[in-house]
Amino acid sequence: QVQLIESGGGSVQSGGSLRLSCAASGRPFNSYAMGWFRQAPGKEREFVASITWNGGDTYYADFVKGRFAISRDSAANTVYLQMNRLTPDDTAVYYCAQSRPAWRSPFYSRKDEYDAWGQGTQVTVSS
């Protein structure tokens, strides 16, 4: 059974930083792309960042380029999202996701490209 467990969320002032972690278990970590999505109150879940199975390629939503960085540690079966220069617009529940088996995509930016999701971690940025 696949499990994705996020941590690292919290409250921070505008301009601050947070690092989210997502620990994966249940199937070979190195075989799957990983992604981060977020959902603000009253809004749809949206793509934030993705990383390919071997960490060779990353892709970001335009609104986080230059501020966020996704990475993965194969030894720890963990994917990270370093978030810098946070603004109140970044306030949301952040979800980790693992791609579908044998799925290949240039960006891994669509929700339907993932079949496993974490429970989410709240990020609140105050002005």
Foldseek 3Di string as FASTA:
>chain_A
DKAWAKDWADEEAAQAKIKMKIAIDDDQQLQWKKFKWWDDPPGDIFGAKIAGSNRPDIDGDPVQPPFWDWGDDNVRNMIMIIGGRDDQVPWTWMKMFIADGPDDDPGPGDPVRTDDIHPTDTHGYHD
